[in-house]
Amino acid sequence: MTDAPTLGTTIDELWSIIEARRTASTDESYTARLLTGEEDRLLKKVGEEATEVVMAAKDNDHDHLRYEVVDLLYHTLVTCARFELSADELAAEIRGRFK
């Protein structure tokens, strides 16, 4: 039996996939379209997903909240990649807040 992947490992894998999509066909990859397409489309999506997280939390809907948090995380990471915030920068910022 293998151990379940950790959140950190999974986010690292997702980050790698997002970065790899930079060179993917925009006809075939939603992520590539978000990385290279109209900026407002991506930013509106982040706002939409954030609102859906709030609504799911207010409804105390565990499964829906999990789904929406993952959508928000994905779109937030794509936004970071698009605006050239590195994973190392994000990690350093998080660690800096541990104190």
PDB file of N, CA and C in Angstrom:
ATOM      1  N   MET A   1       0.844  -1.167   0.000  1.00  0.00           N
ATOM      2  CA  MET A   1       0.000   0.000   0.000  1.00  0.00           C
ATOM      3  C   MET A   1       0.900   1.245   0.000  1.00  0.00           C
ATOM      4  N   THR A   2       0.597   2.202  -0.871  1.00  0.00           N
ATOM      5  CA  THR A   2       1.377   3.427  -0.921  1.00  0.00           C
ATOM      6  C   THR A   2       0.728   4.481  -0.044  1.00  0.00           C
ATOM      7  N   ASP A   3       1.558   5.391   0.422  1.00  0.00           N
ATOM      8  CA  ASP A   3       1.039   6.492   1.223  1.00  0.00           C
ATOM      9  C   ASP A   3       0.297   7.469   0.330  1.00  0.00           C
ATOM     10  N   ALA A   4      -0.737   8.053   0.856  1.00  0.00           N
ATOM     11  CA  ALA A   4      -1.480   9.075   0.116  1.00  0.00           C
ATOM     12  C   ALA A   4      -0.575  10.295  -0.057  1.00  0.00           C
ATOM     13  N   PRO A   5      -0.676  10.955  -1.201  1.00  0.00           N
ATOM     14  CA  PRO A   5       0.163  12.133  -1.405  1.00  0.00           C
ATOM     15  C   PRO A   5      -0.224  13.259  -0.433  1.00  0.00           C
ATOM     16  N   THR A   6       0.762  14.017  -0.051  1.00  0.00           N
ATOM     17  CA  THR A   6       0.510  15.145   0.839  1.00  0.00           C
ATOM     18  C   THR A   6       0.030  16.350   0.033  1.00  0.00           C
ATOM     19  N   LEU A   7      -0.521  17.310   0.725  1.00  0.00           N
ATOM     20  CA  LEU A   7      -0.951  18.542   0.064  1.00  0.00           C
ATOM     21  C   LEU A   7       0.240  19.208  -0.618  1.00  0.00           C
ATOM     22  N   GLY A   8       1.368  19.255   0.067  1.00  0.00           N
ATOM     23  CA  GLY A   8       2.553  19.886  -0.514  1.00  0.00           C
ATOM     24  C   GLY A   8       3.011  19.201  -1.795  1.00  0.00           C
ATOM     25  N   THR A   9       3.049  17.894  -1.780  1.00  0.00           N
ATOM     26  CA  THR A   9       3.448  17.135  -2.967  1.00  0.00           C
ATOM     27  C   THR A   9       2.463  17.369  -4.109  1.00  0.00           C
ATOM     28  N   THR A  10       1.197  17.366  -3.784  1.00  0.00           N
ATOM     29  CA  THR A  10       0.165  17.558  -4.794  1.00  0.00           C
ATOM     30  C   THR A  10       0.239  18.957  -5.393  1.00  0.00           C
ATOM     31  N   ILE A  11       0.455  19.962  -4.558  1.00  0.00           N
ATOM     32  CA  ILE A  11       0.584  21.330  -5.072  1.00  0.00           C
ATOM     33  C   ILE A  11       1.840  21.455  -5.920  1.00  0.00           C
ATOM     34  N   ASP A  12       2.926  20.831  -5.507  1.00  0.00           N
ATOM     35  CA  ASP A  12       4.143  20.831  -6.329  1.00  0.00           C
ATOM     36  C   ASP A  12       3.871  20.230  -7.709  1.00  0.00           C
ATOM     37  N   GLU A  13       3.151  19.123  -7.736  1.00  0.00           N
ATOM     38  CA  GLU A  13       2.815  18.487  -9.012  1.00  0.00           C
ATOM     39  C   GLU A  13       1.927  19.390  -9.853  1.00  0.00           C
ATOM     40  N   LEU A  14       0.933  20.008  -9.225  1.00  0.00           N
ATOM     41  CA  LEU A  14       0.056  20.928  -9.944  1.00  0.00           C
ATOM     42  C   LEU A  14       0.854  22.099 -10.501  1.00  0.00           C
ATOM     43  N   TRP A  15       1.766  22.646  -9.719  1.00  0.00           N
ATOM     44  CA  TRP A  15       2.603  23.755 -10.177  1.00  0.00           C
ATOM     45  C   TRP A  15       3.408  23.338 -11.415  1.00  0.00           C
ATOM     46  N   SER A  16       3.958  22.146 -11.381  1.00  0.00           N
ATOM     47  CA  SER A  16       4.727  21.645 -12.529  1.00  0.00           C
ATOM     48  C   SER A  16       3.850  21.510 -13.764  1.00  0.00           C
ATOM     49  N   ILE A  17       2.641  21.041 -13.587  1.00  0.00           N
ATOM     50  CA  ILE A  17       1.711  20.922 -14.714  1.00  0.00           C
ATOM     51  C   ILE A  17       1.382  22.297 -15.276  1.00  0.00           C
ATOM     52  N   ILE A  18       1.103  23.247 -14.406  1.00  0.00           N
ATOM     53  CA  ILE A  18       0.792  24.612 -14.856  1.00  0.00           C
ATOM     54  C   ILE A  18       1.960  25.175 -15.651  1.00  0.00           C
ATOM     55  N   GLU A  19       3.158  25.029 -15.136  1.00  0.00           N
ATOM     56  CA  GLU A  19       4.339  25.541 -15.842  1.00  0.00           C
ATOM     57  C   GLU A  19       4.520  24.857 -17.201  1.00  0.00           C
ATOM     58  N   ALA A  20       4.260  23.569 -17.250  1.00  0.00           N
ATOM     59  CA  ALA A  20       4.399  22.832 -18.512  1.00  0.00           C
ATOM     60  C   ALA A  20       3.378  23.288 -19.546  1.00  0.00           C
ATOM     61  N   ARG A  21       2.251  23.772 -19.091  1.00  0.00           N
ATOM     62  CA  ARG A  21       1.197  24.214 -20.009  1.00  0.00           C
ATOM     63  C   ARG A  21       1.524  25.535 -20.702  1.00  0.00           C
ATOM     64  N   ARG A  22       2.560  26.217 -20.254  1.00  0.00           N
ATOM     65  CA  ARG A  22       2.958  27.480 -20.899  1.00  0.00           C
ATOM     66  C   ARG A  22       3.205  27.291 -22.395  1.00  0.00           C
ATOM     67  N   THR A  23       3.689  26.119 -22.759  1.00  0.00           N
ATOM     68  CA  THR A  23       4.023  25.858 -24.158  1.00  0.00           C
ATOM     69  C   THR A  23       3.003  24.952 -24.844  1.00  0.00           C
ATOM     70  N   ALA A  24       1.925  24.651 -24.153  1.00  0.00           N
ATOM     71  CA  ALA A  24       0.893  23.789 -24.727  1.00  0.00           C
ATOM     72  C   ALA A  24       0.022  24.580 -25.702  1.00  0.00           C
ATOM     73  N   SER A  25      -0.660  23.871 -26.544  1.00  0.00           N
ATOM     74  CA  SER A  25      -1.588  24.478 -27.490  1.00  0.00           C
ATOM     75  C   SER A  25      -2.777  25.061 -26.738  1.00  0.00           C
ATOM     76  N   THR A  26      -3.113  26.296 -27.060  1.00  0.00           N
ATOM     77  CA  THR A  26      -4.286  26.910 -26.422  1.00  0.00           C
ATOM     78  C   THR A  26      -5.577  26.268 -26.917  1.00  0.00           C
ATOM     79  N   ASP A  27      -5.509  25.565 -28.040  1.00  0.00           N
ATOM     80  CA  ASP A  27      -6.682  24.836 -28.529  1.00  0.00           C
ATOM     81  C   ASP A  27      -6.955  23.601 -27.669  1.00  0.00           C
ATOM     82  N   GLU A  28      -5.923  23.091 -27.027  1.00  0.00           N
ATOM     83  CA  GLU A  28      -6.049  21.835 -26.293  1.00  0.00           C
ATOM     84  C   GLU A  28      -5.961  21.991 -24.776  1.00  0.00           C
ATOM     85  N   SER A  29      -5.508  23.142 -24.298  1.00  0.00           N
ATOM     86  CA  SER A  29      -5.269  23.286 -22.867  1.00  0.00           C
ATOM     87  C   SER A  29      -5.951  24.532 -22.299  1.00  0.00           C
ATOM     88  N   TYR A  30      -6.865  24.301 -21.369  1.00  0.00           N
ATOM     89  CA  TYR A  30      -7.520  25.394 -20.653  1.00  0.00           C
ATOM     90  C   TYR A  30      -6.481  26.230 -19.909  1.00  0.00           C
ATOM     91  N   THR A  31      -5.533  25.561 -19.283  1.00  0.00           N
ATOM     92  CA  THR A  31      -4.486  26.266 -18.541  1.00  0.00           C
ATOM     93  C   THR A  31      -3.675  27.164 -19.469  1.00  0.00           C
ATOM     94  N   ALA A  32      -3.316  26.668 -20.644  1.00  0.00           N
ATOM     95  CA  ALA A  32      -2.566  27.485 -21.613  1.00  0.00           C
ATOM     96  C   ALA A  32      -3.371  28.721 -22.003  1.00  0.00           C
ATOM     97  N   ARG A  33      -4.675  28.554 -22.176  1.00  0.00           N
ATOM     98  CA  ARG A  33      -5.519  29.712 -22.515  1.00  0.00           C
ATOM     99  C   ARG A  33      -5.532  30.730 -21.385  1.00  0.00           C
ATOM    100  N   LEU A  34      -5.568  30.253 -20.132  1.00  0.00           N
ATOM    101  CA  LEU A  34      -5.547  31.177 -18.992  1.00  0.00           C
ATOM    102  C   LEU A  34      -4.200  31.881 -18.874  1.00  0.00           C
ATOM    103  N   LEU A  35      -3.128  31.174 -19.180  1.00  0.00           N
ATOM    104  CA  LEU A  35      -1.792  31.758 -19.059  1.00  0.00           C
ATOM    105  C   LEU A  35      -1.498  32.794 -20.140  1.00  0.00           C
ATOM    106  N   THR A  36      -2.104  32.643 -21.303  1.00  0.00           N
ATOM    107  CA  THR A  36      -1.734  33.503 -22.426  1.00  0.00           C
ATOM    108  C   THR A  36      -2.882  34.342 -22.976  1.00  0.00           C
ATOM    109  N   GLY A  37      -4.080  34.030 -22.567  1.00  0.00           N
ATOM    110  CA  GLY A  37      -5.246  34.722 -23.112  1.00  0.00           C
ATOM    111  C   GLY A  37      -5.506  36.054 -22.434  1.00  0.00           C
ATOM    112  N   GLU A  38      -6.722  36.514 -22.595  1.00  0.00           N
ATOM    113  CA  GLU A  38      -7.133  37.789 -22.021  1.00  0.00           C
ATOM    114  C   GLU A  38      -6.977  37.756 -20.498  1.00  0.00           C
ATOM    115  N   GLU A  39      -6.243  38.705 -19.979  1.00  0.00           N
ATOM    116  CA  GLU A  39      -5.951  38.775 -18.551  1.00  0.00           C
ATOM    117  C   GLU A  39      -7.220  38.803 -17.704  1.00  0.00           C
ATOM    118  N   ASP A  40      -8.193  39.603 -18.120  1.00  0.00           N
ATOM    119  CA  ASP A  40      -9.412  39.743 -17.327  1.00  0.00           C
ATOM    120  C   ASP A  40     -10.168  38.429 -17.172  1.00  0.00           C
ATOM    121  N   ARG A  41     -10.071  37.554 -18.142  1.00  0.00           N
ATOM    122  CA  ARG A  41     -10.763  36.264 -18.047  1.00  0.00           C
ATOM    123  C   ARG A  41     -10.262  35.486 -16.836  1.00  0.00           C
ATOM    124  N   LEU A  42      -8.948  35.440 -16.672  1.00  0.00           N
ATOM    125  CA  LEU A  42      -8.359  34.737 -15.535  1.00  0.00           C
ATOM    126  C   LEU A  42      -8.711  35.436 -14.227  1.00  0.00           C
ATOM    127  N   LEU A  43      -8.560  36.747 -14.190  1.00  0.00           N
ATOM    128  CA  LEU A  43      -8.801  37.474 -12.947  1.00  0.00           C
ATOM    129  C   LEU A  43     -10.265  37.398 -12.519  1.00  0.00           C
ATOM    130  N   LYS A  44     -11.174  37.439 -13.469  1.00  0.00           N
ATOM    131  CA  LYS A  44     -12.596  37.267 -13.154  1.00  0.00           C
ATOM    132  C   LYS A  44     -12.859  35.870 -12.601  1.00  0.00           C
ATOM    133  N   LYS A  45     -12.159  34.888 -13.136  1.00  0.00           N
ATOM    134  CA  LYS A  45     -12.328  33.513 -12.673  1.00  0.00           C
ATOM    135  C   LYS A  45     -11.877  33.377 -11.219  1.00  0.00           C
ATOM    136  N   VAL A  46     -10.796  34.038 -10.853  1.00  0.00           N
ATOM    137  CA  VAL A  46     -10.332  34.005  -9.458  1.00  0.00           C
ATOM    138  C   VAL A  46     -11.405  34.605  -8.553  1.00  0.00           C
ATOM    139  N   GLY A  47     -11.958  35.743  -8.951  1.00  0.00           N
ATOM    140  CA  GLY A  47     -13.006  36.380  -8.156  1.00  0.00           C
ATOM    141  C   GLY A  47     -14.241  35.496  -8.032  1.00  0.00           C
ATOM    142  N   GLU A  48     -14.630  34.878  -9.134  1.00  0.00           N
ATOM    143  CA  GLU A  48     -15.785  33.981  -9.137  1.00  0.00           C
ATOM    144  C   GLU A  48     -15.569  32.811  -8.186  1.00  0.00           C
ATOM    145  N   GLU A  49     -14.385  32.212  -8.259  1.00  0.00           N
ATOM    146  CA  GLU A  49     -14.101  31.060  -7.405  1.00  0.00           C
ATOM    147  C   GLU A  49     -14.041  31.458  -5.934  1.00  0.00           C
ATOM    148  N   ALA A  50     -13.493  32.633  -5.644  1.00  0.00           N
ATOM    149  CA  ALA A  50     -13.443  33.108  -4.251  1.00  0.00           C
ATOM    150  C   ALA A  50     -14.854  33.281  -3.695  1.00  0.00           C
ATOM    151  N   THR A  51     -15.732  33.837  -4.510  1.00  0.00           N
ATOM    152  CA  THR A  51     -17.125  34.015  -4.101  1.00  0.00           C
ATOM    153  C   THR A  51     -17.783  32.666  -3.846  1.00  0.00           C
ATOM    154  N   GLU A  52     -17.500  31.690  -4.701  1.00  0.00           N
ATOM    155  CA  GLU A  52     -18.088  30.364  -4.531  1.00  0.00           C
ATOM    156  C   GLU A  52     -17.563  29.672  -3.274  1.00  0.00           C
ATOM    157  N   VAL A  53     -16.310  29.939  -2.898  1.00  0.00           N
ATOM    158  CA  VAL A  53     -15.778  29.407  -1.634  1.00  0.00           C
ATOM    159  C   VAL A  53     -16.569  29.990  -0.465  1.00  0.00           C
ATOM    160  N   VAL A  54     -16.782  31.281  -0.491  1.00  0.00           N
ATOM    161  CA  VAL A  54     -17.527  31.943   0.590  1.00  0.00           C
ATOM    162  C   VAL A  54     -18.945  31.376   0.684  1.00  0.00           C
ATOM    163  N   MET A  55     -19.601  31.231  -0.447  1.00  0.00           N
ATOM    164  CA  MET A  55     -20.977  30.727  -0.447  1.00  0.00           C
ATOM    165  C   MET A  55     -21.048  29.293   0.078  1.00  0.00           C
ATOM    166  N   ALA A  56     -20.122  28.461  -0.331  1.00  0.00           N
ATOM    167  CA  ALA A  56     -20.111  27.073   0.146  1.00  0.00           C
ATOM    168  C   ALA A  56     -19.848  27.022   1.647  1.00  0.00           C
ATOM    169  N   ALA A  57     -18.957  27.875   2.125  1.00  0.00           N
ATOM    170  CA  ALA A  57     -18.677  27.917   3.564  1.00  0.00           C
ATOM    171  C   ALA A  57     -19.907  28.401   4.337  1.00  0.00           C
ATOM    172  N   LYS A  58     -20.561  29.435   3.819  1.00  0.00           N
ATOM    173  CA  LYS A  58     -21.768  29.955   4.473  1.00  0.00           C
ATOM    174  C   LYS A  58     -22.865  28.898   4.520  1.00  0.00           C
ATOM    175  N   ASP A  59     -22.915  28.056   3.499  1.00  0.00           N
ATOM    176  CA  ASP A  59     -23.906  26.973   3.455  1.00  0.00           C
ATOM    177  C   ASP A  59     -23.491  25.771   4.291  1.00  0.00           C
ATOM    178  N   ASN A  60     -22.268  25.823   4.823  1.00  0.00           N
ATOM    179  CA  ASN A  60     -21.713  24.720   5.603  1.00  0.00           C
ATOM    180  C   ASN A  60     -21.770  23.405   4.809  1.00  0.00           C
ATOM    181  N   ASP A  61     -21.448  23.516   3.515  1.00  0.00           N
ATOM    182  CA  ASP A  61     -21.497  22.376   2.600  1.00  0.00           C
ATOM    183  C   ASP A  61     -20.072  21.863   2.384  1.00  0.00           C
ATOM    184  N   HIS A  62     -19.699  20.876   3.156  1.00  0.00           N
ATOM    185  CA  HIS A  62     -18.327  20.369   3.183  1.00  0.00           C
ATOM    186  C   HIS A  62     -17.826  19.952   1.805  1.00  0.00           C
ATOM    187  N   ASP A  63     -18.592  19.147   1.101  1.00  0.00           N
ATOM    188  CA  ASP A  63     -18.149  18.652  -0.206  1.00  0.00           C
ATOM    189  C   ASP A  63     -18.036  19.773  -1.233  1.00  0.00           C
ATOM    190  N   HIS A  64     -19.011  20.663  -1.235  1.00  0.00           N
ATOM    191  CA  HIS A  64     -18.973  21.788  -2.172  1.00  0.00           C
ATOM    192  C   HIS A  64     -17.822  22.727  -1.831  1.00  0.00           C
ATOM    193  N   LEU A  65     -17.588  22.941  -0.545  1.00  0.00           N
ATOM    194  CA  LEU A  65     -16.471  23.791  -0.115  1.00  0.00           C
ATOM    195  C   LEU A  65     -15.146  23.217  -0.594  1.00  0.00           C
ATOM    196  N   ARG A  66     -14.950  21.927  -0.408  1.00  0.00           N
ATOM    197  CA  ARG A  66     -13.709  21.277  -0.867  1.00  0.00           C
ATOM    198  C   ARG A  66     -13.522  21.495  -2.369  1.00  0.00           C
ATOM    199  N   TYR A  67     -14.556  21.287  -3.139  1.00  0.00           N
ATOM    200  CA  TYR A  67     -14.517  21.452  -4.589  1.00  0.00           C
ATOM    201  C   TYR A  67     -14.153  22.886  -4.973  1.00  0.00           C
ATOM    202  N   GLU A  68     -14.802  23.842  -4.337  1.00  0.00           N
ATOM    203  CA  GLU A  68     -14.564  25.245  -4.680  1.00  0.00           C
ATOM    204  C   GLU A  68     -13.196  25.737  -4.215  1.00  0.00           C
ATOM    205  N   VAL A  69     -12.729  25.258  -3.077  1.00  0.00           N
ATOM    206  CA  VAL A  69     -11.387  25.635  -2.610  1.00  0.00           C
ATOM    207  C   VAL A  69     -10.340  25.152  -3.607  1.00  0.00           C
ATOM    208  N   VAL A  70     -10.509  23.956  -4.121  1.00  0.00           N
ATOM    209  CA  VAL A  70      -9.563  23.432  -5.107  1.00  0.00           C
ATOM    210  C   VAL A  70      -9.616  24.266  -6.387  1.00  0.00           C
ATOM    211  N   ASP A  71     -10.819  24.643  -6.838  1.00  0.00           N
ATOM    212  CA  ASP A  71     -10.925  25.530  -8.005  1.00  0.00           C
ATOM    213  C   ASP A  71     -10.211  26.850  -7.759  1.00  0.00           C
ATOM    214  N   LEU A  72     -10.410  27.427  -6.576  1.00  0.00           N
ATOM    215  CA  LEU A  72      -9.758  28.696  -6.249  1.00  0.00           C
ATOM    216  C   LEU A  72      -8.242  28.522  -6.190  1.00  0.00           C
ATOM    217  N   LEU A  73      -7.789  27.454  -5.594  1.00  0.00           N
ATOM    218  CA  LEU A  73      -6.347  27.202  -5.508  1.00  0.00           C
ATOM    219  C   LEU A  73      -5.741  27.076  -6.899  1.00  0.00           C
ATOM    220  N   TYR A  74      -6.372  26.298  -7.758  1.00  0.00           N
ATOM    221  CA  TYR A  74      -5.884  26.136  -9.129  1.00  0.00           C
ATOM    222  C   TYR A  74      -5.803  27.487  -9.842  1.00  0.00           C
ATOM    223  N   HIS A  75      -6.873  28.246  -9.825  1.00  0.00           N
ATOM    224  CA  HIS A  75      -6.885  29.525 -10.542  1.00  0.00           C
ATOM    225  C   HIS A  75      -5.924  30.535  -9.912  1.00  0.00           C
ATOM    226  N   THR A  76      -5.739  30.460  -8.614  1.00  0.00           N
ATOM    227  CA  THR A  76      -4.769  31.327  -7.946  1.00  0.00           C
ATOM    228  C   THR A  76      -3.344  30.966  -8.372  1.00  0.00           C
ATOM    229  N   LEU A  77      -3.040  29.682  -8.433  1.00  0.00           N
ATOM    230  CA  LEU A  77      -1.705  29.265  -8.880  1.00  0.00           C
ATOM    231  C   LEU A  77      -1.460  29.634 -10.339  1.00  0.00           C
ATOM    232  N   VAL A  78      -2.468  29.506 -11.173  1.00  0.00           N
ATOM    233  CA  VAL A  78      -2.322  29.928 -12.570  1.00  0.00           C
ATOM    234  C   VAL A  78      -2.055  31.432 -12.622  1.00  0.00           C
ATOM    235  N   THR A  79      -2.749  32.198 -11.785  1.00  0.00           N
ATOM    236  CA  THR A  79      -2.514  33.642 -11.736  1.00  0.00           C
ATOM    237  C   THR A  79      -1.080  33.937 -11.319  1.00  0.00           C
ATOM    238  N   CYS A  80      -0.588  33.231 -10.320  1.00  0.00           N
ATOM    239  CA  CYS A  80       0.799  33.430  -9.883  1.00  0.00           C
ATOM    240  C   CYS A  80       1.762  33.124 -11.021  1.00  0.00           C
ATOM    241  N   ALA A  81       1.533  32.022 -11.713  1.00  0.00           N
ATOM    242  CA  ALA A  81       2.406  31.654 -12.828  1.00  0.00           C
ATOM    243  C   ALA A  81       2.338  32.699 -13.931  1.00  0.00           C
ATOM    244  N   ARG A  82       1.145  33.157 -14.235  1.00  0.00           N
ATOM    245  CA  ARG A  82       0.995  34.148 -15.309  1.00  0.00           C
ATOM    246  C   ARG A  82       1.753  35.436 -14.989  1.00  0.00           C
ATOM    247  N   PHE A  83       1.719  35.841 -13.727  1.00  0.00           N
ATOM    248  CA  PHE A  83       2.368  37.086 -13.329  1.00  0.00           C
ATOM    249  C   PHE A  83       3.767  36.852 -12.756  1.00  0.00           C
ATOM    250  N   GLU A  84       4.304  35.667 -13.044  1.00  0.00           N
ATOM    251  CA  GLU A  84       5.694  35.310 -12.757  1.00  0.00           C
ATOM    252  C   GLU A  84       6.068  35.369 -11.280  1.00  0.00           C
ATOM    253  N   LEU A  85       5.127  34.986 -10.430  1.00  0.00           N
ATOM    254  CA  LEU A  85       5.451  34.736  -9.027  1.00  0.00           C
ATOM    255  C   LEU A  85       5.883  33.274  -8.958  1.00  0.00           C
ATOM    256  N   SER A  86       7.070  33.021  -8.469  1.00  0.00           N
ATOM    257  CA  SER A  86       7.561  31.642  -8.443  1.00  0.00           C
ATOM    258  C   SER A  86       7.035  30.891  -7.225  1.00  0.00           C
ATOM    259  N   ALA A  87       7.070  29.579  -7.321  1.00  0.00           N
ATOM    260  CA  ALA A  87       6.682  28.736  -6.192  1.00  0.00           C
ATOM    261  C   ALA A  87       7.600  29.002  -4.997  1.00  0.00           C
ATOM    262  N   ASP A  88       8.869  29.251  -5.263  1.00  0.00           N
ATOM    263  CA  ASP A  88       9.807  29.554  -4.175  1.00  0.00           C
ATOM    264  C   ASP A  88       9.434  30.850  -3.459  1.00  0.00           C
ATOM    265  N   GLU A  89       8.995  31.852  -4.223  1.00  0.00           N
ATOM    266  CA  GLU A  89       8.558  33.107  -3.604  1.00  0.00           C
ATOM    267  C   GLU A  89       7.342  32.884  -2.709  1.00  0.00           C
ATOM    268  N   LEU A  90       6.419  32.095  -3.199  1.00  0.00           N
ATOM    269  CA  LEU A  90       5.224  31.815  -2.408  1.00  0.00           C
ATOM    270  C   LEU A  90       5.582  31.065  -1.135  1.00  0.00           C
ATOM    271  N   ALA A  91       6.436  30.058  -1.259  1.00  0.00           N
ATOM    272  CA  ALA A  91       6.856  29.281  -0.094  1.00  0.00           C
ATOM    273  C   ALA A  91       7.557  30.171   0.932  1.00  0.00           C
ATOM    274  N   ALA A  92       8.427  31.054   0.459  1.00  0.00           N
ATOM    275  CA  ALA A  92       9.137  31.950   1.372  1.00  0.00           C
ATOM    276  C   ALA A  92       8.168  32.888   2.083  1.00  0.00           C
ATOM    277  N   GLU A  93       7.179  33.376   1.365  1.00  0.00           N
ATOM    278  CA  GLU A  93       6.186  34.265   1.976  1.00  0.00           C
ATOM    279  C   GLU A  93       5.381  33.532   3.047  1.00  0.00           C
ATOM    280  N   ILE A  94       4.976  32.309   2.739  1.00  0.00           N
ATOM    281  CA  ILE A  94       4.231  31.521   3.727  1.00  0.00           C
ATOM    282  C   ILE A  94       5.097  31.256   4.954  1.00  0.00           C
ATOM    283  N   ARG A  95       6.320  30.797   4.727  1.00  0.00           N
ATOM    284  CA  ARG A  95       7.215  30.499   5.853  1.00  0.00           C
ATOM    285  C   ARG A  95       7.522  31.728   6.689  1.00  0.00           C
ATOM    286  N   GLY A  96       7.613  32.876   6.045  1.00  0.00           N
ATOM    287  CA  GLY A  96       7.847  34.120   6.763  1.00  0.00           C
ATOM    288  C   GLY A  96       6.717  34.488   7.705  1.00  0.00           C
ATOM    289  N   ARG A  97       5.563  33.935   7.474  1.00  0.00           N
ATOM    290  CA  ARG A  97       4.405  34.220   8.310  1.00  0.00           C
ATOM    291  C   ARG A  97       4.246  33.224   9.461  1.00  0.00           C
ATOM    292  N   PHE A  98       5.102  32.216   9.534  1.00  0.00           N
ATOM    293  CA  PHE A  98       5.029  31.235  10.609  1.00  0.00           C
ATOM    294  C   PHE A  98       5.400  31.817  11.970  1.00  0.00           C
ATOM    295  N   LYS A  99       6.111  32.910  11.946  1.00  0.00           N
ATOM    296  CA  LYS A  99       6.653  33.467  13.198  1.00  0.00           C
ATOM    297  C   LYS A  99       5.600  34.148  14.014  1.00  0.00           C
TER     298      LYS A  99
END
